[in-house]
Amino acid sequence: MIEEHLVNFTIIIGIQLLFFIAHAAIVKKQNNIGKYLFLGVLVGLPFGIAFDFLVGMNISIFSYAIGFPIWFLVINGLFSYGFMIASVFLLQNHSIVNVLAWSFALGLVYELTNYFFPVWEWTFSSIWFEYMVVIGAAYFGLAWLMMCVLQIVFGTQFRIVPFSFSLKKPS
């Protein structure tokens, strides 16, 4: 049973990586792929573990098919959250409309992949409400939260983040 979940997870990670590479090609940032993947993995580990503990385990908005073992949270943080954060780096100069469209497309791709290769499950009572909330708003909210973290940690500026605070020292 766990082998099937790990195969599904590997497929989802592959789709997430392909989404990031396609996104980088669309915005003509192919030369920064390695940098953004490295930074995404670096931030994805603590961000993903914290998000899974707070939103998944404590608030119970979602769960994983294999539960919340720490080894899975580490791998998930590195790759799943890391690849999404790498993709979020590519949104620095985008308008809110572009970020909304991107997050809708990302949510649609991730959720369709998860439908056929289940790894996580949402705890909403209605599947239609679930997809409207998750695809329509939650991925945008998660991307915006990631932008805030990237702005604080690296000083990366995003057009849709209204404050300017960074832990990075000015050069």
Protein backbone atom coordinates (compact mmCIF):
# COMPACT_ATOMS: atom_id res chain seq x y z
CA MET A 1 0.00 0.00 0.00
CA ILE A 2 2.74 2.50 0.91
CA GLU A 3 4.55 1.68 -2.35
CA GLU A 4 1.48 2.77 -4.34
CA HIS A 5 1.33 6.07 -2.45
CA LEU A 6 5.03 6.69 -3.07
CA VAL A 7 4.58 5.97 -6.79
CA ASN A 8 1.65 8.43 -6.85
CA PHE A 9 3.77 10.99 -4.99
CA THR A 10 6.62 10.54 -7.48
CA ILE A 11 4.20 11.13 -10.38
CA ILE A 12 2.85 14.28 -8.73
CA ILE A 13 6.37 15.57 -8.08
CA GLY A 14 7.24 14.93 -11.74
CA ILE A 15 4.18 16.89 -12.89
CA GLN A 16 5.05 19.73 -10.49
CA LEU A 17 8.59 19.86 -11.89
CA LEU A 18 7.26 19.89 -15.46
CA PHE A 19 4.83 22.69 -14.53
CA PHE A 20 7.75 24.72 -13.15
CA ILE A 21 9.92 24.11 -16.24
CA ALA A 22 7.04 25.05 -18.57
CA HIS A 23 6.36 28.16 -16.50
CA ALA A 24 10.06 29.15 -16.65
CA ALA A 25 10.02 28.70 -20.43
CA ILE A 26 6.84 30.78 -20.81
CA VAL A 27 8.30 33.70 -18.82
CA LYS A 28 11.70 33.21 -20.49
CA LYS A 29 13.63 32.44 -17.28
CA GLN A 30 15.14 29.10 -18.34
CA ASN A 31 18.61 30.30 -17.36
CA ASN A 32 17.47 30.65 -13.72
CA ILE A 33 15.94 27.17 -13.35
CA GLY A 34 18.76 25.80 -11.21
CA LYS A 35 18.86 28.85 -8.94
CA TYR A 36 15.11 28.87 -8.36
CA LEU A 37 14.98 25.10 -7.77
CA PHE A 38 17.79 25.36 -5.21
CA LEU A 39 16.15 28.28 -3.39
CA GLY A 40 12.74 26.60 -3.64
CA VAL A 41 14.03 23.41 -2.02
CA LEU A 42 15.87 25.44 0.62
CA VAL A 43 12.73 27.34 1.63
CA GLY A 44 10.33 24.49 0.82
CA LEU A 45 11.63 22.25 3.58
CA PRO A 46 10.82 24.47 6.59
CA PHE A 47 7.81 26.07 4.87
CA GLY A 48 6.29 22.72 3.88
CA ILE A 49 6.78 21.08 7.26
CA ALA A 50 5.30 24.10 9.07
CA PHE A 51 2.36 24.35 6.64
CA ASP A 52 1.61 20.62 6.86
CA PHE A 53 1.71 20.69 10.66
CA LEU A 54 -0.38 23.85 11.00
CA VAL A 55 -2.91 23.53 8.19
CA GLY A 56 -2.94 19.77 7.65
CA MET A 57 -2.51 18.25 11.08
CA ASN A 58 -3.76 20.97 13.44
CA ILE A 59 -6.55 22.60 11.44
CA SER A 60 -7.27 19.36 9.52
CA ILE A 61 -8.03 20.99 6.17
CA PHE A 62 -6.24 18.17 4.36
CA SER A 63 -4.57 14.85 5.09
CA TYR A 64 -2.13 12.60 3.30
CA ALA A 65 -2.94 9.04 2.27
CA ILE A 66 0.04 7.82 4.29
CA GLY A 67 -0.54 10.19 7.19
CA PHE A 68 2.00 12.69 8.48
CA PRO A 69 5.22 10.74 9.17
CA ILE A 70 8.18 13.12 9.48
CA TRP A 71 10.17 11.39 6.71
CA PHE A 72 7.30 12.10 4.28
CA LEU A 73 6.93 15.71 5.45
CA VAL A 74 10.65 16.27 4.80
CA ILE A 75 10.46 14.80 1.27
CA ASN A 76 7.20 16.66 0.60
CA GLY A 77 8.66 19.94 1.85
CA LEU A 78 11.78 19.57 -0.27
CA PHE A 79 10.06 18.63 -3.50
CA SER A 80 6.36 19.47 -3.55
CA TYR A 81 6.55 22.76 -1.67
CA GLY A 82 10.04 23.40 -3.05
CA PHE A 83 8.88 23.13 -6.67
CA MET A 84 5.90 25.39 -6.02
CA ILE A 85 8.12 27.98 -4.34
CA ALA A 86 10.50 27.78 -7.32
CA SER A 87 7.52 28.52 -9.55
CA VAL A 88 6.41 31.40 -7.32
CA PHE A 89 9.83 33.05 -7.82
CA LEU A 90 8.84 33.45 -11.47
CA LEU A 91 5.88 35.68 -10.52
CA GLN A 92 7.91 38.67 -9.31
CA ASN A 93 6.75 41.15 -11.94
CA HIS A 94 3.27 39.80 -12.52
CA SER A 95 -0.03 41.54 -11.87
CA ILE A 96 -2.70 40.15 -9.59
CA VAL A 97 -4.67 38.98 -12.67
CA ASN A 98 -1.65 37.02 -13.91
CA VAL A 99 -1.03 35.52 -10.46
CA LEU A 100 -4.71 34.55 -10.15
CA ALA A 101 -4.63 32.88 -13.59
CA TRP A 102 -1.35 31.14 -12.77
CA SER A 103 -2.61 29.89 -9.39
CA PHE A 104 -5.84 28.65 -10.99
CA ALA A 105 -3.83 26.74 -13.63
CA LEU A 106 -1.45 25.37 -10.99
CA GLY A 107 -4.33 24.27 -8.77
CA LEU A 108 -6.11 22.64 -11.70
CA VAL A 109 -2.99 20.71 -12.77
CA TYR A 110 -2.12 19.66 -9.21
CA GLU A 111 -5.66 18.62 -8.31
CA LEU A 112 -6.28 16.72 -11.56
CA THR A 113 -3.02 14.86 -11.05
CA ASN A 114 -3.96 14.12 -7.44
CA TYR A 115 -7.39 12.89 -8.59
CA PHE A 116 -5.79 10.18 -10.74
CA PHE A 117 -2.77 9.56 -8.46
CA PRO A 118 -4.06 10.32 -4.95
CA VAL A 119 -1.60 11.59 -2.36
CA TRP A 120 -3.64 14.14 -0.36
CA GLU A 121 -7.30 14.51 0.48
CA TRP A 122 -9.24 17.64 1.36
CA THR A 123 -11.65 17.48 4.29
CA PHE A 124 -14.46 19.64 2.88
CA SER A 125 -17.92 18.06 2.89
CA SER A 126 -18.67 18.61 -0.80
CA ILE A 127 -16.29 17.79 -3.64
CA TRP A 128 -17.62 20.66 -5.77
CA PHE A 129 -17.23 23.14 -2.92
CA GLU A 130 -13.80 21.69 -2.30
CA TYR A 131 -12.62 22.26 -5.85
CA MET A 132 -14.16 25.74 -6.03
CA VAL A 133 -12.41 26.77 -2.81
CA VAL A 134 -9.15 24.95 -3.39
CA ILE A 135 -8.62 25.69 -7.07
CA GLY A 136 -10.41 29.04 -7.03
CA ALA A 137 -8.77 30.55 -3.95
CA ALA A 138 -6.53 28.33 -1.82
CA TYR A 139 -3.69 28.00 -4.33
CA PHE A 140 -3.69 31.78 -4.77
CA GLY A 141 -3.55 32.22 -0.99
CA LEU A 142 -0.72 29.71 -0.70
CA ALA A 143 1.22 31.42 -3.50
CA TRP A 144 0.74 34.82 -1.85
CA LEU A 145 1.93 33.43 1.49
CA MET A 146 5.00 32.01 -0.26
CA MET A 147 5.63 35.43 -1.85
CA CYS A 148 5.54 37.04 1.59
CA VAL A 149 8.04 34.49 2.92
CA LEU A 150 10.35 34.97 -0.08
CA GLN A 151 10.16 38.74 0.35
CA ILE A 152 11.02 38.48 4.05
CA VAL A 153 13.81 35.90 3.67
CA PHE A 154 15.44 36.98 0.40
CA GLY A 155 14.11 40.50 -0.17
CA THR A 156 12.44 39.32 -3.39
CA GLN A 157 9.89 41.93 -4.45
CA PHE A 158 6.49 40.91 -5.77
CA ARG A 159 4.02 43.39 -7.24
CA ILE A 160 1.08 41.96 -5.29
CA VAL A 161 2.75 42.01 -1.84
CA PRO A 162 1.88 45.41 -0.36
CA PHE A 163 4.62 45.64 2.24
CA SER A 164 8.37 45.81 1.96
CA PHE A 165 10.16 43.99 4.75
CA SER A 166 13.24 41.82 4.45
CA LEU A 167 15.66 40.01 6.72
CA LYS A 168 18.26 40.44 3.99
CA LYS A 169 20.64 43.32 4.61
CA PRO A 170 20.55 46.07 2.00
CA SER A 171 23.57 46.09 -0.29
